[in-house]
Amino acid sequence: MIYVEKRLGYGNNIVSLQRKYELIDESKKRKAMRILTLMTAGLLAMPMAAQQQQKQQTVANSNREFKVVKQLPITSVKNQYRSGTCWDYGTLGYLESEILRKTGRTFDLCEMFVVNKDYMDNATHYVRMHGYSQISEGGSCDDVLEVIRRHGICPEEAMPAPGSLTGDTLANFKVFFPELERMVSSIVRANADLNRFTESEQKQALAKEPRAHWQDSVQAIIEKYVGRCPETFVYEGKTYTPQSFAASLGLDLDDYVSLTSYTHHPFDAWFVIEAPYKWRLKPSYNIPIEQLMAVLDEALDKGYTVAWGGDVSGDFKREGIALLPDSVVPTQQLRQEQWDDWRFTYDHVMLIYGKAVDEQGKPFYLVKNTWGEYGPYKGTWYMSRDYMTLNTTYLFLNRQALPKTLQEALTKANFN
């Protein structure tokens, strides 16, 4: 089944991108619409998920043959379906692999718990910013970490199954999120016309104060579609709160860091990546791209999986392969140029869990997607090292996987 509204993997929708498109000058409109088309085409929600059973073996398609040379344990492939929640599914999948690495235990953590808490946090931020912020299905790895830190987490079975409250079998935000967006925007706007762009129009539209008891209205919509978060629940015979369950998982939430690589900020320093869906304003540490890729390789070699945020709007094939045209050589300069002119955006989150080579010895990474057991590799994509080099927005990983010198540099560098 194809999701005809074409919601993006990080949760933005076609309307939000069209608003951004309307803001740019006429000379750039055709380029922006081409980018929009690529992004939406590359991020359609996929079919239903099932248990992943990939073996360490040589796998092939009509054009390429891959030999897996490193494969770390992961949990089953999940399906974000008709929801823009790759950031949620991808990051929880990453944290599940971290728990598996540390404890040997397999968990299925609840994506809708994160949605419930994160969307209320996002609405609160929007109101505190007087409407000058983003209301979006989308987010980043930082959102999941912050939800667990502040609210805890629960297992999948402690909340209604995704989609079950609306008669679907998987998460379906086609009706839910537009309704939530209308409600949240109306809290701070006397006239909720979201297409007003001029300063004078914005001032006319803004309410003098937020609507009374708005939190109750927002929470009611969230719970209608994804369910109420439990205060307590029983798991394997023991009673937990979300906070006590999170504490039992063996994760040190202070261990996780975000690394990036752009030249519009100095290297060896923290900065907030300027992407609309990084609304929590959590910083990433900036290093040269060659160093970032070396960090990725070393982390995998040490046995650490890595969460990936990046761009899949171009050469991210439906056949489970992501690679650049032979004519494209990834460089620091090209990364920056494509980021600045929007050819390269932040639009998806997945999990890197291994390495492979093709028949010519070209290096690839095993990447667990969030679209269910789709494609010839049942939810895994083979992403070339060149593609990874050019299209990575950030890596999110355990600081213990980093070289000692980089760990020390992160600690010494202040985020000002």
Protein backbone atom coordinates (compact mmCIF):
# COMPACT_ATOMS: atom_id res chain seq x y z
CA MET A 1 0.00 0.00 0.00
CA ILE A 2 1.32 3.44 -0.92
CA TYR A 3 0.80 6.34 1.45
CA VAL A 4 -0.68 8.87 -0.96
CA GLU A 5 -0.01 11.92 1.23
CA LYS A 6 3.71 11.05 1.16
CA ARG A 7 4.69 11.92 4.71
CA LEU A 8 8.40 12.23 5.25
CA GLY A 9 10.47 9.95 7.43
CA TYR A 10 11.19 12.61 10.04
CA GLY A 11 7.57 13.51 10.35
CA ASN A 12 7.18 16.65 8.30
CA ASN A 13 4.39 16.69 5.74
CA ILE A 14 3.93 18.02 2.26
CA VAL A 15 2.09 21.11 3.52
CA SER A 16 4.96 22.16 5.77
CA LEU A 17 7.45 21.82 2.93
CA GLN A 18 5.20 23.80 0.65
CA ARG A 19 5.17 26.59 3.21
CA LYS A 20 8.96 26.64 3.13
CA TYR A 21 8.79 26.55 -0.68
CA GLU A 22 6.51 29.61 -0.76
CA LEU A 23 9.02 31.65 1.21
CA ILE A 24 11.86 31.47 -1.28
CA ASP A 25 12.31 33.72 -4.28
CA GLU A 26 11.07 32.88 -7.74
CA SER A 27 14.51 31.97 -9.10
CA LYS A 28 14.77 29.08 -6.65
CA LYS A 29 11.24 27.72 -6.85
CA ARG A 30 11.91 25.08 -9.47
CA LYS A 31 14.92 23.77 -7.51
CA ALA A 32 12.92 23.67 -4.29
CA MET A 33 10.05 21.77 -5.88
CA ARG A 34 12.50 19.27 -7.38
CA ILE A 35 13.93 18.71 -3.90
CA LEU A 36 10.43 18.38 -2.50
CA THR A 37 9.57 15.73 -5.09
CA LEU A 38 12.71 13.73 -4.38
CA MET A 39 12.19 13.86 -0.63
CA THR A 40 8.60 12.73 -0.77
CA ALA A 41 9.34 10.03 -3.33
CA GLY A 42 12.15 8.68 -1.18
CA LEU A 43 10.21 8.54 2.07
CA LEU A 44 6.88 6.85 1.44
CA ALA A 45 5.77 4.66 4.34
CA MET A 46 6.33 0.97 3.73
CA PRO A 47 4.34 -2.27 4.18
CA MET A 48 3.75 -4.17 7.43
CA ALA A 49 6.67 -5.22 9.61
CA ALA A 50 7.56 -8.71 10.76
CA GLN A 51 10.43 -10.44 12.59
CA GLN A 52 13.84 -9.79 11.00
CA GLN A 53 15.81 -12.98 10.35
CA GLN A 54 18.82 -11.87 8.32
CA LYS A 55 21.74 -14.30 8.45
CA GLN A 56 25.44 -13.61 8.06
CA GLN A 57 25.75 -14.75 4.48
CA THR A 58 26.37 -13.56 0.96
CA VAL A 59 23.26 -11.87 -0.41
CA ALA A 60 22.53 -10.71 -3.93
CA ASN A 61 20.21 -8.77 -6.20
CA SER A 62 20.03 -8.44 -9.96
CA ASN A 63 22.94 -5.99 -10.08
CA ARG A 64 25.10 -6.52 -6.99
CA GLU A 65 26.28 -9.20 -4.65
CA PHE A 66 27.16 -8.41 -1.04
CA LYS A 67 29.22 -10.26 1.50
CA VAL A 68 28.54 -9.34 5.13
CA VAL A 69 31.81 -8.89 7.02
CA LYS A 70 30.46 -7.45 10.29
CA GLN A 71 26.98 -7.83 11.73
CA LEU A 72 26.00 -6.77 15.24
CA PRO A 73 22.92 -8.03 17.09
CA ILE A 74 19.74 -5.95 16.68
CA THR A 75 16.06 -6.32 17.52
CA SER A 76 13.34 -6.96 14.95
CA VAL A 77 12.52 -4.52 12.15
CA LYS A 78 9.55 -2.26 12.97
CA ASN A 79 7.22 -0.30 10.70
CA GLN A 80 6.42 3.38 11.14
CA TYR A 81 3.71 2.89 8.48
CA ARG A 82 1.61 6.04 7.92
CA SER A 83 3.35 8.14 10.53
CA GLY A 84 6.32 10.49 10.33
CA THR A 85 8.10 8.82 13.22
CA CYS A 86 11.32 7.36 11.83
CA TRP A 87 13.15 9.37 14.51
CA ASP A 88 11.18 7.47 17.15
CA TYR A 89 11.31 3.97 15.65
CA GLY A 90 14.93 4.37 14.57
CA THR A 91 16.20 5.66 17.91
CA LEU A 92 14.29 3.14 20.03
CA GLY A 93 15.66 0.42 17.75
CA TYR A 94 19.12 1.79 18.43
CA LEU A 95 18.58 1.86 22.20
CA GLU A 96 17.18 -1.69 22.06
CA SER A 97 20.43 -2.77 20.40
CA GLU A 98 22.39 -0.97 23.13
CA ILE A 99 20.45 -2.87 25.81
CA LEU A 100 21.07 -6.10 23.91
CA ARG A 101 24.79 -5.35 23.74
CA LYS A 102 25.03 -4.48 27.44
CA THR A 103 22.67 -7.02 29.03
CA GLY A 104 21.89 -9.67 26.42
CA ARG A 105 18.17 -8.96 26.91
CA THR A 106 15.74 -8.21 24.11
CA PHE A 107 13.11 -5.51 24.60
CA ASP A 108 10.39 -4.05 22.40
CA LEU A 109 10.12 -0.47 23.64
CA CYS A 110 6.95 1.52 23.04
CA GLU A 111 7.10 4.08 20.23
CA MET A 112 3.65 5.49 21.04
CA PHE A 113 4.73 6.29 24.60
CA VAL A 114 7.44 8.48 23.08
CA VAL A 115 4.95 10.04 20.64
CA ASN A 116 2.55 10.86 23.47
CA LYS A 117 5.16 12.62 25.58
CA ASP A 118 7.14 14.20 22.75
CA TYR A 119 4.15 15.77 21.00
CA MET A 120 3.05 17.36 24.25
CA ASP A 121 6.60 18.64 24.81
CA ASN A 122 6.58 19.99 21.25
CA ALA A 123 3.23 21.74 21.81
CA THR A 124 4.53 23.27 25.04
CA HIS A 125 7.62 24.56 23.24
CA TYR A 126 5.44 26.01 20.47
CA VAL A 127 3.30 27.90 23.00
CA ARG A 128 6.31 29.16 24.94
CA MET A 129 7.73 30.44 21.64
CA HIS A 130 4.44 32.30 20.95
CA GLY A 131 3.96 30.28 17.79
CA TYR A 132 7.39 31.02 16.32
CA SER A 133 8.36 27.36 16.22
CA GLN A 134 7.67 24.12 14.38
CA ILE A 135 4.67 21.85 14.92
CA SER A 136 5.78 18.62 13.34
CA GLU A 137 5.55 14.87 13.45
CA GLY A 138 9.30 14.93 13.02
CA GLY A 139 12.18 14.97 15.43
CA SER A 140 15.60 13.51 16.14
CA CYS A 141 17.39 11.02 18.35
CA ASP A 142 17.60 13.73 21.01
CA ASP A 143 13.82 13.72 21.37
CA VAL A 144 13.69 10.04 22.31
CA LEU A 145 16.55 10.39 24.77
CA GLU A 146 14.93 13.42 26.40
CA VAL A 147 11.54 11.71 26.68
CA ILE A 148 13.11 8.73 28.45
CA ARG A 149 15.14 11.01 30.69
CA ARG A 150 12.11 13.08 31.73
CA HIS A 151 9.22 10.65 31.50
CA GLY A 152 10.63 7.11 31.37
CA ILE A 153 9.49 4.44 28.91
CA CYS A 154 7.34 1.33 28.83
CA PRO A 155 7.30 -1.89 26.81
CA GLU A 156 5.16 -2.09 23.67
CA GLU A 157 2.40 -4.13 25.31
CA ALA A 158 1.80 -1.56 28.08
CA MET A 159 -0.05 0.75 25.66
CA PRO A 160 -2.61 0.20 22.88
CA ALA A 161 -1.03 -1.21 19.73
CA PRO A 162 -0.19 1.45 17.13
CA GLY A 163 -3.21 2.23 14.97
CA SER A 164 -5.60 0.10 17.05
CA LEU A 165 -7.55 3.07 18.41
CA THR A 166 -8.44 4.17 14.88
CA GLY A 167 -9.17 0.78 13.37
CA ASP A 168 -5.76 0.32 11.74
CA THR A 169 -3.11 -2.32 12.30
CA LEU A 170 -0.11 0.03 12.46
CA ALA A 171 0.58 3.68 13.27
CA ASN A 172 -1.56 5.93 11.07
CA PHE A 173 -1.31 9.69 11.62
CA LYS A 174 -3.17 10.75 8.47
CA VAL A 175 -6.05 12.17 10.54
CA PHE A 176 -4.34 12.46 13.90
CA PHE A 177 -1.56 14.89 13.17
CA PRO A 178 -3.49 17.47 11.11
CA GLU A 179 -6.05 17.59 13.92
CA LEU A 180 -3.29 18.04 16.50
CA GLU A 181 -1.60 20.71 14.39
CA ARG A 182 -4.80 22.71 14.08
CA MET A 183 -5.40 22.54 17.81
CA VAL A 184 -1.87 23.56 18.80
CA SER A 185 -1.69 26.43 16.32
CA SER A 186 -5.03 27.79 17.53
CA ILE A 187 -3.70 28.12 21.08
CA VAL A 188 -1.54 31.13 20.21
CA ARG A 189 -3.36 32.51 17.17
CA ALA A 190 -6.61 34.39 17.10
CA ASN A 191 -6.72 33.49 13.42
CA ALA A 192 -5.12 30.11 12.76
CA ASP A 193 -4.18 30.84 9.15
CA LEU A 194 -0.77 29.17 8.99
CA ASN A 195 0.07 30.74 5.61
CA ARG A 196 0.59 34.26 7.00
CA PHE A 197 4.26 35.09 6.62
CA THR A 198 4.75 38.86 7.04
CA GLU A 199 5.55 40.28 10.44
CA SER A 200 2.48 42.51 10.47
CA GLU A 201 0.22 39.60 9.53
CA GLN A 202 1.77 37.45 12.22
CA LYS A 203 1.15 40.12 14.85
CA GLN A 204 -2.47 40.43 13.78
CA ALA A 205 -2.93 36.67 13.98
CA LEU A 206 -1.32 36.16 17.39
CA ALA A 207 -3.59 35.84 20.39
CA LYS A 208 -2.98 38.09 23.39
CA GLU A 209 -2.62 35.07 25.64
CA PRO A 210 -2.75 31.28 25.19
CA ARG A 211 -6.11 29.60 25.42
CA ALA A 212 -6.97 28.55 28.97
CA HIS A 213 -6.45 24.87 29.84
CA TRP A 214 -4.95 24.24 26.42
CA GLN A 215 -2.86 21.34 27.75
CA ASP A 216 -6.02 19.32 28.42
CA SER A 217 -7.26 19.84 24.87
CA VAL A 218 -3.94 18.82 23.33
CA GLN A 219 -3.53 15.80 25.57
CA ALA A 220 -7.06 14.63 24.75
CA ILE A 221 -6.27 14.58 21.02
CA ILE A 222 -3.00 12.73 21.56
CA GLU A 223 -4.63 10.10 23.75
CA LYS A 224 -7.55 9.65 21.35
CA TYR A 225 -5.17 8.43 18.65
CA VAL A 226 -2.20 6.82 20.43
CA GLY A 227 -3.51 6.04 23.91
CA ARG A 228 -2.78 7.15 27.45
CA CYS A 229 0.63 6.48 28.95
CA PRO A 230 0.40 4.12 31.92
CA GLU A 231 1.28 5.30 35.41
CA THR A 232 2.12 1.71 36.38
CA PHE A 233 2.20 -1.59 34.52
CA VAL A 234 3.24 -5.21 35.06
CA TYR A 235 6.09 -6.61 33.00
CA GLU A 236 7.33 -10.19 33.46
CA GLY A 237 5.56 -10.40 36.79
CA LYS A 238 6.92 -7.17 38.26
CA THR A 239 5.18 -3.82 38.67
CA TYR A 240 6.93 -0.77 37.20
CA THR A 241 6.40 2.90 36.61
CA PRO A 242 7.75 4.25 33.31
CA GLN A 243 10.63 5.80 35.27
CA SER A 244 11.53 2.63 37.17
CA PHE A 245 11.29 0.56 33.97
CA ALA A 246 13.68 2.95 32.19
CA ALA A 247 16.09 2.66 35.12
CA SER A 248 15.98 -1.15 34.87
CA LEU A 249 17.18 -1.25 31.26
CA GLY A 250 20.85 -0.73 32.06
CA LEU A 251 21.27 2.42 29.97
CA ASP A 252 23.29 5.43 31.10
CA LEU A 253 21.51 8.23 29.27
CA ASP A 254 24.49 10.54 29.74
CA ASP A 255 26.59 8.27 27.52
CA TYR A 256 24.94 9.32 24.26
CA VAL A 257 26.28 12.07 22.02
CA SER A 258 25.63 13.48 18.56
CA LEU A 259 28.47 14.09 16.08
CA THR A 260 28.25 16.06 12.85
CA SER A 261 30.43 17.62 10.15
CA TYR A 262 29.84 21.04 8.57
CA THR A 263 32.11 23.96 7.73
CA HIS A 264 29.71 26.80 8.55
CA HIS A 265 30.69 26.23 12.18
CA PRO A 266 34.21 25.62 13.54
CA PHE A 267 35.42 22.08 14.00
CA ASP A 268 36.08 20.69 17.47
CA ALA A 269 33.14 22.60 18.92
CA TRP A 270 29.47 22.06 19.70
CA PHE A 271 26.64 23.66 17.74
CA VAL A 272 22.92 23.13 17.15
CA ILE A 273 22.25 21.78 13.66
CA GLU A 274 19.96 24.23 11.89
CA ALA A 275 17.18 21.88 10.84
CA PRO A 276 13.49 22.59 11.41
CA TYR A 277 12.93 19.36 13.29
CA LYS A 278 15.75 19.82 15.80
CA TRP A 279 13.41 21.94 17.91
CA ARG A 280 14.89 20.84 21.24
CA LEU A 281 18.08 22.70 20.25
CA LYS A 282 20.39 19.95 21.48
CA PRO A 283 23.97 20.42 20.23
CA SER A 284 26.14 18.14 18.11
CA TYR A 285 29.94 18.05 18.17
CA ASN A 286 31.48 19.15 14.87
CA ILE A 287 34.45 17.27 13.36
CA PRO A 288 35.83 16.82 9.81
CA ILE A 289 33.99 14.27 7.71
CA GLU A 290 37.00 11.96 7.42
CA GLN A 291 37.18 11.81 11.20
CA LEU A 292 33.44 11.24 11.48
CA MET A 293 33.62 8.25 9.15
CA ALA A 294 36.61 6.87 11.04
CA VAL A 295 34.58 7.15 14.25
CA LEU A 296 31.76 5.16 12.64
CA ASP A 297 34.10 2.40 11.50
CA GLU A 298 35.82 2.16 14.86
CA ALA A 299 32.52 2.06 16.74
CA LEU A 300 31.25 -0.84 14.63
CA ASP A 301 34.56 -2.67 14.99
CA LYS A 302 34.27 -2.29 18.77
CA GLY A 303 30.79 -3.83 18.73
CA TYR A 304 28.69 -0.64 18.99
CA THR A 305 25.75 0.05 16.71
CA VAL A 306 25.17 3.68 15.65
CA ALA A 307 21.99 5.68 15.04
CA TRP A 308 22.06 7.66 11.80
CA GLY A 309 20.27 10.86 10.84
CA GLY A 310 20.59 11.97 7.25
CA ASP A 311 19.22 12.36 3.74
CA VAL A 312 17.50 9.63 1.71
CA SER A 313 15.84 11.84 -0.89
CA GLY A 314 18.14 10.98 -3.79
CA ASP A 315 19.92 7.72 -4.56
CA PHE A 316 18.24 5.69 -1.82
CA LYS A 317 16.86 2.85 -3.90
CA ARG A 318 13.69 0.90 -3.26
CA GLU A 319 15.69 -2.27 -3.90
CA GLY A 320 17.47 -1.92 -0.56
CA ILE A 321 20.59 -0.17 -1.83
CA ALA A 322 21.89 3.37 -1.35
CA LEU A 323 24.87 4.50 -3.41
CA LEU A 324 26.08 7.55 -5.28
CA PRO A 325 26.50 7.86 -9.04
CA ASP A 326 30.06 7.04 -10.12
CA SER A 327 30.58 10.67 -11.12
CA VAL A 328 29.95 11.99 -7.58
CA VAL A 329 32.91 12.13 -5.20
CA PRO A 330 31.88 12.96 -1.62
CA THR A 331 33.93 15.77 -0.10
CA GLN A 332 33.61 18.17 2.80
CA GLN A 333 32.98 20.99 0.35
CA LEU A 334 30.26 19.13 -1.54
CA ARG A 335 28.52 18.22 1.72
CA GLN A 336 28.41 21.88 2.66
CA GLU A 337 27.25 23.07 -0.76
CA GLN A 338 24.40 20.58 -0.81
CA TRP A 339 23.39 21.43 2.75
CA ASP A 340 23.35 25.14 1.98
CA ASP A 341 21.25 24.86 -1.19
CA TRP A 342 18.87 22.19 0.22
CA ARG A 343 19.93 19.38 -2.11
CA PHE A 344 20.91 17.64 1.15
CA THR A 345 18.45 17.79 4.03
CA TYR A 346 17.75 15.99 7.29
CA ASP A 347 14.85 13.67 6.51
CA HIS A 348 15.35 10.19 8.01
CA VAL A 349 16.69 8.24 11.00
CA MET A 350 17.89 4.61 10.90
CA LEU A 351 20.29 2.20 12.64
CA ILE A 352 23.73 1.20 11.35
CA TYR A 353 24.60 -2.28 12.57
CA GLY A 354 27.27 -3.77 10.34
CA LYS A 355 29.55 -3.74 7.30
CA ALA A 356 29.58 -5.48 3.94
CA VAL A 357 31.45 -5.39 0.65
CA ASP A 358 30.14 -5.85 -2.86
CA GLU A 359 31.68 -8.11 -5.51
CA GLN A 360 34.23 -5.41 -6.34
CA GLY A 361 35.27 -4.93 -2.71
CA LYS A 362 33.45 -1.59 -2.37
CA PRO A 363 32.51 -0.94 1.28
CA PHE A 364 28.87 -0.76 2.39
CA TYR A 365 27.07 -0.49 5.71
CA LEU A 366 24.14 -2.59 6.94
CA VAL A 367 21.36 -0.19 7.89
CA LYS A 368 18.12 -1.19 9.62
CA ASN A 369 15.24 0.88 8.25
CA THR A 370 11.87 1.68 9.85
CA TRP A 371 9.59 0.66 6.96
CA GLY A 372 8.95 -2.93 7.98
CA GLU A 373 10.34 -6.02 6.25
CA TYR A 374 10.37 -4.24 2.92
CA GLY A 375 12.59 -5.03 -0.05
CA PRO A 376 14.87 -7.94 -0.92
CA TYR A 377 16.79 -7.64 2.37
CA LYS A 378 13.73 -7.60 4.63
CA GLY A 379 14.09 -4.09 5.99
CA THR A 380 17.87 -3.76 5.73
CA TRP A 381 19.52 -1.35 3.29
CA TYR A 382 23.06 -1.65 1.98
CA MET A 383 24.41 1.90 2.09
CA SER A 384 27.72 2.59 0.37
CA ARG A 385 30.46 4.32 2.29
CA ASP A 386 30.43 7.16 -0.24
CA TYR A 387 26.69 7.64 0.23
CA MET A 388 27.14 7.65 3.98
CA THR A 389 29.96 10.20 3.69
CA LEU A 390 27.91 12.63 1.62
CA ASN A 391 24.47 12.23 3.19
CA THR A 392 25.04 11.96 6.93
CA THR A 393 23.58 14.81 8.98
CA TYR A 394 24.66 13.35 12.31
CA LEU A 395 25.69 10.16 14.06
CA PHE A 396 24.21 9.39 17.47
CA LEU A 397 26.18 6.91 19.52
CA ASN A 398 27.63 5.86 22.85
CA ARG A 399 30.59 8.03 23.82
CA GLN A 400 32.36 4.89 25.03
CA ALA A 401 32.66 3.88 21.37
CA LEU A 402 34.74 6.97 20.59
CA PRO A 403 38.54 7.17 20.61
CA LYS A 404 39.80 8.33 24.01
CA THR A 405 41.16 11.57 22.59
CA LEU A 406 37.76 12.45 21.16
CA GLN A 407 36.00 11.56 24.40
CA GLU A 408 38.31 13.97 26.22
CA ALA A 409 37.75 16.69 23.60
CA LEU A 410 33.98 16.45 23.98
CA THR A 411 34.30 16.78 27.72
CA LYS A 412 36.58 19.82 27.53
CA ALA A 413 34.61 21.69 24.88
CA ASN A 414 31.95 23.98 26.27
CA PHE A 415 28.69 24.64 24.46
CA ASN A 416 28.27 28.41 24.60
